[in-house]
PDB file of N, CA and C in Angstrom:
ATOM      1  N   MET A   1     -60.798 -10.335  -7.468  1.00  0.00           N
ATOM      2  CA  MET A   1     -59.881  -9.198  -6.601  1.00  0.00           C
ATOM      3  C   MET A   1     -60.761  -8.702  -5.633  1.00  0.00           C
ATOM      4  N   PRO A   2     -59.998  -8.595  -4.584  1.00  0.00           N
ATOM      5  CA  PRO A   2     -60.629  -8.071  -3.191  1.00  0.00           C
ATOM      6  C   PRO A   2     -60.483  -6.776  -3.512  1.00  0.00           C
ATOM      7  N   ASP A   3     -61.969  -5.783  -2.757  1.00  0.00           N
ATOM      8  CA  ASP A   3     -62.077  -4.556  -2.693  1.00  0.00           C
ATOM      9  C   ASP A   3     -61.175  -3.838  -1.842  1.00  0.00           C
ATOM     10  N   GLN A   4     -60.946  -2.471  -1.771  1.00  0.00           N
ATOM     11  CA  GLN A   4     -59.628  -1.779  -0.915  1.00  0.00           C
ATOM     12  C   GLN A   4     -60.291  -2.176   0.544  1.00  0.00           C
ATOM     13  N   GLU A   5     -61.771  -2.333   1.175  1.00  0.00           N
ATOM     14  CA  GLU A   5     -62.371  -2.144   1.775  1.00  0.00           C
ATOM     15  C   GLU A   5     -62.236  -3.367   2.653  1.00  0.00           C
ATOM     16  N   ARG A   6     -61.701  -4.562   2.072  1.00  0.00           N
ATOM     17  CA  ARG A   6     -61.787  -6.057   2.568  1.00  0.00           C
ATOM     18  C   ARG A   6     -59.804  -5.767   2.704  1.00  0.00           C
ATOM     19  N   LEU A   7     -59.076  -5.153   1.917  1.00  0.00           N
ATOM     20  CA  LEU A   7     -58.035  -5.164   2.201  1.00  0.00           C
ATOM     21  C   LEU A   7     -57.480  -4.512   3.462  1.00  0.00           C
ATOM     22  N   ASP A   8     -58.373  -3.288   3.545  1.00  0.00           N
ATOM     23  CA  ASP A   8     -58.196  -2.663   4.910  1.00  0.00           C
ATOM     24  C   ASP A   8     -58.340  -3.280   5.906  1.00  0.00           C
ATOM     25  N   ASP A   9     -59.625  -3.878   6.055  1.00  0.00           N
ATOM     26  CA  ASP A   9     -60.044  -4.864   7.120  1.00  0.00           C
ATOM     27  C   ASP A   9     -59.009  -5.822   7.456  1.00  0.00           C
ATOM     28  N   PHE A  10     -58.345  -6.550   6.386  1.00  0.00           N
ATOM     29  CA  PHE A  10     -57.071  -7.664   6.990  1.00  0.00           C
ATOM     30  C   PHE A  10     -56.050  -6.658   7.179  1.00  0.00           C
ATOM     31  N   LEU A  11     -55.609  -5.581   6.862  1.00  0.00           N
ATOM     32  CA  LEU A  11     -54.321  -5.199   7.550  1.00  0.00           C
ATOM     33  C   LEU A  11     -54.970  -4.635   9.076  1.00  0.00           C
ATOM     34  N   GLU A  12     -56.372  -4.234   9.495  1.00  0.00           N
ATOM     35  CA  GLU A  12     -56.162  -3.689  10.484  1.00  0.00           C
ATOM     36  C   GLU A  12     -56.405  -4.949  11.471  1.00  0.00           C
ATOM     37  N   ALA A  13     -57.004  -6.208  10.856  1.00  0.00           N
ATOM     38  CA  ALA A  13     -57.004  -7.508  11.808  1.00  0.00           C
ATOM     39  C   ALA A  13     -55.420  -7.921  11.817  1.00  0.00           C
ATOM     40  N   LEU A  14     -54.763  -7.616  11.118  1.00  0.00           N
ATOM     41  CA  LEU A  14     -53.445  -8.111  11.114  1.00  0.00           C
ATOM     42  C   LEU A  14     -52.844  -7.495  12.104  1.00  0.00           C
ATOM     43  N   GLU A  15     -52.824  -6.071  12.438  1.00  0.00           N
ATOM     44  CA  GLU A  15     -52.269  -5.187  13.392  1.00  0.00           C
ATOM     45  C   GLU A  15     -52.882  -5.501  14.560  1.00  0.00           C
ATOM     46  N   LYS A  16     -54.046  -5.720  14.875  1.00  0.00           N
ATOM     47  CA  LYS A  16     -54.404  -6.179  16.181  1.00  0.00           C
ATOM     48  C   LYS A  16     -54.355  -7.676  16.763  1.00  0.00           C
ATOM     49  N   ALA A  17     -54.146  -8.438  15.719  1.00  0.00           N
ATOM     50  CA  ALA A  17     -53.514  -9.672  16.153  1.00  0.00           C
ATOM     51  C   ALA A  17     -52.252  -9.903  16.445  1.00  0.00           C
ATOM     52  N   GLY A  18     -51.228  -9.021  15.835  1.00  0.00           N
ATOM     53  CA  GLY A  18     -49.766  -9.055  16.432  1.00  0.00           C
ATOM     54  C   GLY A  18     -49.272 -10.009  15.890  1.00  0.00           C
ATOM     55  N   SER A  19     -49.849 -10.919  14.467  1.00  0.00           N
ATOM     56  CA  SER A  19     -48.917 -12.288  14.484  1.00  0.00           C
ATOM     57  C   SER A  19     -49.145 -11.953  12.843  1.00  0.00           C
ATOM     58  N   PRO A  20     -48.326 -13.233  12.411  1.00  0.00           N
ATOM     59  CA  PRO A  20     -48.183 -13.504  10.938  1.00  0.00           C
ATOM     60  C   PRO A  20     -49.828 -13.558  10.272  1.00  0.00           C
ATOM     61  N   ALA A  21     -49.817 -13.521   9.040  1.00  0.00           N
ATOM     62  CA  ALA A  21     -51.024 -13.646   8.331  1.00  0.00           C
ATOM     63  C   ALA A  21     -51.282 -15.176   8.199  1.00  0.00           C
ATOM     64  N   ARG A  22     -50.436 -15.968   8.204  1.00  0.00           N
ATOM     65  CA  ARG A  22     -50.817 -17.422   8.278  1.00  0.00           C
ATOM     66  C   ARG A  22     -51.353 -17.834   9.610  1.00  0.00           C
ATOM     67  N   ASN A  23     -51.637 -16.958  10.339  1.00  0.00           N
ATOM     68  CA  ASN A  23     -51.854 -17.461  12.000  1.00  0.00           C
ATOM     69  C   ASN A  23     -53.464 -17.916  11.835  1.00  0.00           C
ATOM     70  N   PRO A  24     -54.001 -18.992  11.915  1.00  0.00           N
ATOM     71  CA  PRO A  24     -55.523 -19.037  11.850  1.00  0.00           C
ATOM     72  C   PRO A  24     -56.841 -18.337  12.946  1.00  0.00           C
ATOM     73  N   ALA A  25     -55.671 -17.672  13.972  1.00  0.00           N
ATOM     74  CA  ALA A  25     -56.445 -16.942  14.642  1.00  0.00           C
ATOM     75  C   ALA A  25     -56.994 -15.594  13.747  1.00  0.00           C
ATOM     76  N   LEU A  26     -55.848 -14.991  12.820  1.00  0.00           N
ATOM     77  CA  LEU A  26     -56.480 -13.955  12.041  1.00  0.00           C
ATOM     78  C   LEU A  26     -57.780 -14.407  10.934  1.00  0.00           C
ATOM     79  N   ARG A  27     -57.576 -15.277  10.562  1.00  0.00           N
ATOM     80  CA  ARG A  27     -58.726 -15.954  10.005  1.00  0.00           C
ATOM     81  C   ARG A  27     -59.874 -16.062  10.101  1.00  0.00           C
ATOM     82  N   GLU A  28     -60.246 -16.359  11.572  1.00  0.00           N
ATOM     83  CA  GLU A  28     -60.920 -16.687  12.225  1.00  0.00           C
ATOM     84  C   GLU A  28     -61.588 -15.117  12.680  1.00  0.00           C
ATOM     85  N   ALA A  29     -60.900 -14.545  13.297  1.00  0.00           N
ATOM     86  CA  ALA A  29     -60.906 -12.691  13.593  1.00  0.00           C
ATOM     87  C   ALA A  29     -61.641 -11.917  12.506  1.00  0.00           C
ATOM     88  N   LEU A  30     -61.381 -12.592  11.268  1.00  0.00           N
ATOM     89  CA  LEU A  30     -62.057 -11.678  10.051  1.00  0.00           C
ATOM     90  C   LEU A  30     -63.492 -12.539   9.894  1.00  0.00           C
ATOM     91  N   GLY A  31     -63.328 -13.807  10.268  1.00  0.00           N
ATOM     92  CA  GLY A  31     -64.967 -14.686   9.726  1.00  0.00           C
ATOM     93  C   GLY A  31     -65.013 -14.760   8.416  1.00  0.00           C
ATOM     94  N   TRP A  32     -63.964 -14.690   7.747  1.00  0.00           N
ATOM     95  CA  TRP A  32     -64.049 -14.834   6.505  1.00  0.00           C
ATOM     96  C   TRP A  32     -63.631 -16.613   6.254  1.00  0.00           C
ATOM     97  N   ASP A  33     -64.216 -17.169   4.807  1.00  0.00           N
ATOM     98  CA  ASP A  33     -63.914 -18.482   4.865  1.00  0.00           C
ATOM     99  C   ASP A  33     -62.484 -18.714   3.958  1.00  0.00           C
ATOM    100  N   ASP A  34     -61.750 -19.658   3.827  1.00  0.00           N
ATOM    101  CA  ASP A  34     -60.411 -20.054   3.320  1.00  0.00           C
ATOM    102  C   ASP A  34     -59.860 -19.306   2.121  1.00  0.00           C
ATOM    103  N   PRO A  35     -61.086 -19.636   1.074  1.00  0.00           N
ATOM    104  CA  PRO A  35     -60.400 -18.922  -0.111  1.00  0.00           C
ATOM    105  C   PRO A  35     -60.758 -17.330  -0.398  1.00  0.00           C
ATOM    106  N   LEU A  36     -61.666 -16.656   0.486  1.00  0.00           N
ATOM    107  CA  LEU A  36     -61.372 -15.386   0.556  1.00  0.00           C
ATOM    108  C   LEU A  36     -60.501 -14.861   1.254  1.00  0.00           C
ATOM    109  N   TYR A  37     -60.182 -15.334   2.588  1.00  0.00           N
ATOM    110  CA  TYR A  37     -58.915 -15.153   3.185  1.00  0.00           C
ATOM    111  C   TYR A  37     -57.348 -15.342   2.318  1.00  0.00           C
ATOM    112  N   GLU A  38     -57.445 -16.555   1.530  1.00  0.00           N
ATOM    113  CA  GLU A  38     -56.346 -16.524   0.666  1.00  0.00           C
ATOM    114  C   GLU A  38     -56.226 -15.477  -0.562  1.00  0.00           C
ATOM    115  N   GLU A  39     -57.454 -15.035  -0.796  1.00  0.00           N
ATOM    116  CA  GLU A  39     -57.219 -14.464  -2.302  1.00  0.00           C
ATOM    117  C   GLU A  39     -57.054 -12.782  -1.512  1.00  0.00           C
ATOM    118  N   VAL A  40     -57.358 -12.178  -0.681  1.00  0.00           N
ATOM    119  CA  VAL A  40     -57.194 -11.055  -0.095  1.00  0.00           C
ATOM    120  C   VAL A  40     -55.460 -11.052   0.377  1.00  0.00           C
ATOM    121  N   LYS A  41     -55.305 -11.834   1.357  1.00  0.00           N
ATOM    122  CA  LYS A  41     -53.939 -12.208   1.701  1.00  0.00           C
ATOM    123  C   LYS A  41     -52.612 -12.221   0.287  1.00  0.00           C
ATOM    124  N   ALA A  42     -53.064 -12.795  -1.083  1.00  0.00           N
ATOM    125  CA  ALA A  42     -52.603 -12.909  -2.147  1.00  0.00           C
ATOM    126  C   ALA A  42     -52.522 -11.373  -2.836  1.00  0.00           C
ATOM    127  N   GLU A  43     -53.577 -10.566  -2.761  1.00  0.00           N
ATOM    128  CA  GLU A  43     -53.308  -9.379  -3.147  1.00  0.00           C
ATOM    129  C   GLU A  43     -52.843  -8.296  -2.311  1.00  0.00           C
ATOM    130  N   LEU A  44     -52.896  -8.605  -1.089  1.00  0.00           N
ATOM    131  CA  LEU A  44     -51.992  -7.440  -0.387  1.00  0.00           C
ATOM    132  C   LEU A  44     -50.868  -7.260  -0.967  1.00  0.00           C
ATOM    133  N   GLY A  45     -50.669  -5.734  -1.383  1.00  0.00           N
ATOM    134  CA  GLY A  45     -49.532  -5.422  -1.980  1.00  0.00           C
ATOM    135  C   GLY A  45     -47.993  -5.443  -1.526  1.00  0.00           C
ATOM    136  N   PHE A  46     -47.111  -5.389  -1.989  1.00  0.00           N
ATOM    137  CA  PHE A  46     -45.995  -4.967  -1.298  1.00  0.00           C
ATOM    138  C   PHE A  46     -45.698  -3.813  -0.288  1.00  0.00           C
ATOM    139  N   GLU A  47     -46.266  -2.820  -0.812  1.00  0.00           N
ATOM    140  CA  GLU A  47     -45.996  -1.582  -0.260  1.00  0.00           C
ATOM    141  C   GLU A  47     -47.049  -1.401   1.133  1.00  0.00           C
ATOM    142  N   ALA A  48     -48.113  -2.268   1.000  1.00  0.00           N
ATOM    143  CA  ALA A  48     -48.677  -2.264   2.432  1.00  0.00           C
ATOM    144  C   ALA A  48     -47.952  -3.195   3.386  1.00  0.00           C
ATOM    145  N   LYS A  49     -47.442  -4.449   3.032  1.00  0.00           N
ATOM    146  CA  LYS A  49     -46.558  -5.164   3.666  1.00  0.00           C
ATOM    147  C   LYS A  49     -45.532  -4.291   4.150  1.00  0.00           C
ATOM    148  N   LEU A  50     -44.970  -3.604   3.460  1.00  0.00           N
ATOM    149  CA  LEU A  50     -43.817  -2.643   4.219  1.00  0.00           C
ATOM    150  C   LEU A  50     -43.973  -1.431   4.914  1.00  0.00           C
ATOM    151  N   TRP A  51     -45.414  -0.833   4.961  1.00  0.00           N
ATOM    152  CA  TRP A  51     -46.198   0.055   5.563  1.00  0.00           C
ATOM    153  C   TRP A  51     -46.037  -0.467   7.085  1.00  0.00           C
ATOM    154  N   LEU A  52     -46.618  -1.813   6.848  1.00  0.00           N
ATOM    155  CA  LEU A  52     -46.793  -2.580   8.436  1.00  0.00           C
ATOM    156  C   LEU A  52     -45.885  -3.148   8.582  1.00  0.00           C
ATOM    157  N   THR A  53     -45.044  -3.402   8.132  1.00  0.00           N
ATOM    158  CA  THR A  53     -43.912  -3.807   8.945  1.00  0.00           C
ATOM    159  C   THR A  53     -43.259  -2.264   9.544  1.00  0.00           C
ATOM    160  N   ALA A  54     -43.221  -1.231   9.108  1.00  0.00           N
ATOM    161  CA  ALA A  54     -42.728   0.136   9.539  1.00  0.00           C
ATOM    162  C   ALA A  54     -43.321   0.108  10.706  1.00  0.00           C
ATOM    163  N   ASP A  55     -44.325   0.235  10.782  1.00  0.00           N
ATOM    164  CA  ASP A  55     -45.657   0.482  11.860  1.00  0.00           C
ATOM    165  C   ASP A  55     -45.027  -0.867  12.811  1.00  0.00           C
ATOM    166  N   LYS A  56     -44.869  -1.504  12.655  1.00  0.00           N
ATOM    167  CA  LYS A  56     -44.454  -2.494  14.016  1.00  0.00           C
ATOM    168  C   LYS A  56     -43.342  -2.146  14.530  1.00  0.00           C
ATOM    169  N   LEU A  57     -42.199  -1.909  13.659  1.00  0.00           N
ATOM    170  CA  LEU A  57     -40.985  -1.224  14.197  1.00  0.00           C
ATOM    171  C   LEU A  57     -41.268  -0.258  14.795  1.00  0.00           C
ATOM    172  N   ARG A  58     -42.023   0.867  14.284  1.00  0.00           N
ATOM    173  CA  ARG A  58     -42.123   2.294  15.137  1.00  0.00           C
ATOM    174  C   ARG A  58     -42.449   2.048  16.387  1.00  0.00           C
ATOM    175  N   ASN A  59     -43.131   1.048  16.736  1.00  0.00           N
ATOM    176  CA  ASN A  59     -44.073   0.504  17.619  1.00  0.00           C
ATOM    177  C   ASN A  59     -43.322   0.323  18.988  1.00  0.00           C
ATOM    178  N   ASN A  60     -41.955  -0.328  18.430  1.00  0.00           N
ATOM    179  CA  ASN A  60     -40.921  -0.888  19.372  1.00  0.00           C
ATOM    180  C   ASN A  60     -39.542  -0.364  19.595  1.00  0.00           C
ATOM    181  N   MET A  61     -39.816   1.039  19.087  1.00  0.00           N
ATOM    182  CA  MET A  61     -38.410   1.627  19.203  1.00  0.00           C
ATOM    183  C   MET A  61     -38.600   3.296  19.447  1.00  0.00           C
ATOM    184  N   ASP A  62     -37.803   3.827  19.869  1.00  0.00           N
ATOM    185  CA  ASP A  62     -37.798   5.103  20.295  1.00  0.00           C
ATOM    186  C   ASP A  62     -37.763   6.172  18.853  1.00  0.00           C
ATOM    187  N   ALA A  63     -38.142   7.209  18.587  1.00  0.00           N
ATOM    188  CA  ALA A  63     -37.947   7.858  17.279  1.00  0.00           C
ATOM    189  C   ALA A  63     -36.738   8.192  17.151  1.00  0.00           C
ATOM    190  N   ALA A  64     -35.860   8.303  17.978  1.00  0.00           N
ATOM    191  CA  ALA A  64     -34.675   8.938  17.767  1.00  0.00           C
ATOM    192  C   ALA A  64     -33.876   7.679  17.088  1.00  0.00           C
ATOM    193  N   GLU A  65     -34.047   6.242  17.805  1.00  0.00           N
ATOM    194  CA  GLU A  65     -33.612   5.077  17.170  1.00  0.00           C
ATOM    195  C   GLU A  65     -33.975   4.880  15.680  1.00  0.00           C
ATOM    196  N   TYR A  66     -35.491   5.235  15.698  1.00  0.00           N
ATOM    197  CA  TYR A  66     -36.359   4.898  14.512  1.00  0.00           C
ATOM    198  C   TYR A  66     -35.636   5.695  12.912  1.00  0.00           C
ATOM    199  N   LYS A  67     -35.057   6.844  13.418  1.00  0.00           N
ATOM    200  CA  LYS A  67     -34.640   7.675  12.031  1.00  0.00           C
ATOM    201  C   LYS A  67     -33.303   6.763  11.557  1.00  0.00           C
ATOM    202  N   HIS A  68     -32.618   6.152  12.190  1.00  0.00           N
ATOM    203  CA  HIS A  68     -31.291   5.504  11.596  1.00  0.00           C
ATOM    204  C   HIS A  68     -31.841   4.174  10.608  1.00  0.00           C
ATOM    205  N   VAL A  69     -33.148   3.519  11.083  1.00  0.00           N
ATOM    206  CA  VAL A  69     -33.816   2.754  10.076  1.00  0.00           C
ATOM    207  C   VAL A  69     -34.196   3.069   9.032  1.00  0.00           C
ATOM    208  N   VAL A  70     -34.738   4.178   9.093  1.00  0.00           N
ATOM    209  CA  VAL A  70     -35.164   4.979   7.860  1.00  0.00           C
ATOM    210  C   VAL A  70     -34.221   5.663   6.994  1.00  0.00           C
ATOM    211  N   LEU A  71     -33.416   6.162   7.633  1.00  0.00           N
ATOM    212  CA  LEU A  71     -32.451   6.694   6.562  1.00  0.00           C
ATOM    213  C   LEU A  71     -31.674   5.694   6.132  1.00  0.00           C
ATOM    214  N   GLY A  72     -31.361   4.382   6.701  1.00  0.00           N
ATOM    215  CA  GLY A  72     -30.568   3.382   5.911  1.00  0.00           C
ATOM    216  C   GLY A  72     -31.740   2.881   5.014  1.00  0.00           C
ATOM    217  N   LEU A  73     -32.851   2.863   4.828  1.00  0.00           N
ATOM    218  CA  LEU A  73     -33.680   2.416   4.142  1.00  0.00           C
ATOM    219  C   LEU A  73     -33.760   3.320   2.834  1.00  0.00           C
ATOM    220  N   ILE A  74     -33.730   4.580   3.160  1.00  0.00           N
ATOM    221  CA  ILE A  74     -33.660   5.983   1.940  1.00  0.00           C
ATOM    222  C   ILE A  74     -32.275   5.384   1.156  1.00  0.00           C
ATOM    223  N   PHE A  75     -31.086   5.153   2.149  1.00  0.00           N
ATOM    224  CA  PHE A  75     -30.173   5.095   0.976  1.00  0.00           C
ATOM    225  C   PHE A  75     -29.993   3.988   0.520  1.00  0.00           C
ATOM    226  N   LEU A  76     -30.516   2.981   1.031  1.00  0.00           N
ATOM    227  CA  LEU A  76     -30.534   1.638   0.104  1.00  0.00           C
ATOM    228  C   LEU A  76     -31.475   1.895  -1.184  1.00  0.00           C
ATOM    229  N   LYS A  77     -32.422   2.557  -0.899  1.00  0.00           N
ATOM    230  CA  LYS A  77     -33.348   2.952  -2.283  1.00  0.00           C
ATOM    231  C   LYS A  77     -32.745   3.864  -3.336  1.00  0.00           C
ATOM    232  N   TYR A  78     -31.757   4.695  -2.617  1.00  0.00           N
ATOM    233  CA  TYR A  78     -31.083   5.775  -3.488  1.00  0.00           C
ATOM    234  C   TYR A  78     -29.827   4.666  -4.333  1.00  0.00           C
ATOM    235  N   ILE A  79     -29.071   3.942  -3.542  1.00  0.00           N
ATOM    236  CA  ILE A  79     -28.216   3.190  -4.289  1.00  0.00           C
ATOM    237  C   ILE A  79     -28.590   1.947  -5.581  1.00  0.00           C
ATOM    238  N   ALA A  80     -29.878   1.440  -5.323  1.00  0.00           N
ATOM    239  CA  ALA A  80     -30.426   0.403  -5.731  1.00  0.00           C
ATOM    240  C   ALA A  80     -30.898   1.499  -6.969  1.00  0.00           C
ATOM    241  N   GLY A  81     -31.242   2.840  -6.975  1.00  0.00           N
ATOM    242  CA  GLY A  81     -32.004   3.242  -8.392  1.00  0.00           C
ATOM    243  C   GLY A  81     -30.543   3.958  -9.015  1.00  0.00           C
ATOM    244  N   SER A  82     -29.462   4.066  -8.439  1.00  0.00           N
ATOM    245  CA  SER A  82     -28.273   4.166  -9.077  1.00  0.00           C
ATOM    246  C   SER A  82     -27.693   3.228  -9.865  1.00  0.00           C
ATOM    247  N   PHE A  83     -27.521   2.044  -9.128  1.00  0.00           N
ATOM    248  CA  PHE A  83     -27.133   0.628  -9.608  1.00  0.00           C
ATOM    249  C   PHE A  83     -27.883   0.485 -10.986  1.00  0.00           C
ATOM    250  N   GLU A  84     -29.128   0.526 -10.721  1.00  0.00           N
ATOM    251  CA  GLU A  84     -29.971   0.619 -11.939  1.00  0.00           C
ATOM    252  C   GLU A  84     -29.764   1.294 -13.299  1.00  0.00           C
ATOM    253  N   GLU A  85     -29.466   2.617 -13.145  1.00  0.00           N
ATOM    254  CA  GLU A  85     -29.401   3.359 -13.776  1.00  0.00           C
ATOM    255  C   GLU A  85     -28.054   3.121 -14.733  1.00  0.00           C
ATOM    256  N   HIS A  86     -26.840   2.655 -13.953  1.00  0.00           N
ATOM    257  CA  HIS A  86     -25.587   2.478 -14.391  1.00  0.00           C
ATOM    258  C   HIS A  86     -25.857   0.956 -15.396  1.00  0.00           C
ATOM    259  N   ARG A  87     -26.784   0.137 -14.903  1.00  0.00           N
ATOM    260  CA  ARG A  87     -26.669  -1.137 -15.184  1.00  0.00           C
ATOM    261  C   ARG A  87     -27.162  -0.891 -16.779  1.00  0.00           C
ATOM    262  N   ALA A  88     -28.465  -0.305 -16.708  1.00  0.00           N
ATOM    263  CA  ALA A  88     -28.825   0.154 -17.995  1.00  0.00           C
ATOM    264  C   ALA A  88     -28.088   0.596 -19.105  1.00  0.00           C
ATOM    265  N   LYS A  89     -27.140   1.502 -18.761  1.00  0.00           N
ATOM    266  CA  LYS A  89     -26.209   2.175 -19.355  1.00  0.00           C
ATOM    267  C   LYS A  89     -25.094   1.531 -20.124  1.00  0.00           C
ATOM    268  N   LEU A  90     -24.812   0.725 -19.382  1.00  0.00           N
ATOM    269  CA  LEU A  90     -23.791  -0.680 -19.561  1.00  0.00           C
ATOM    270  C   LEU A  90     -24.353  -1.346 -20.689  1.00  0.00           C
ATOM    271  N   LEU A  91     -25.603  -1.825 -20.348  1.00  0.00           N
ATOM    272  CA  LEU A  91     -26.279  -3.153 -21.250  1.00  0.00           C
ATOM    273  C   LEU A  91     -26.616  -2.100 -22.472  1.00  0.00           C
ATOM    274  N   ALA A  92     -26.769  -0.993 -22.429  1.00  0.00           N
ATOM    275  CA  ALA A  92     -27.251  -0.465 -23.762  1.00  0.00           C
ATOM    276  C   ALA A  92     -25.670   0.037 -24.772  1.00  0.00           C
ATOM    277  N   ALA A  93     -24.809  -0.152 -23.890  1.00  0.00           N
ATOM    278  CA  ALA A  93     -23.082   0.460 -24.586  1.00  0.00           C
ATOM    279  C   ALA A  93     -22.932  -1.202 -25.094  1.00  0.00           C
TER     280      ALA A  93
END
């Protein structure tokens, strides 16, 4: 399991590269061998990927537009939570 420093290095290099994690240039920029690169890439959590995506979106759009994206995501999170709650009640009945 990679340490937090390696995960941070991976995210930083990914952001600088501006390309997908499968790009060989990113692997070369980090100077890691293939097994280490794949291990860190696999350990990268969903939340980190989501934040990285949000950062990329924020770089390409005005703050006034970005609020619509964020509000939509908050709404989807609320709906998903409500759905799971109601589903659990129906399964329990």
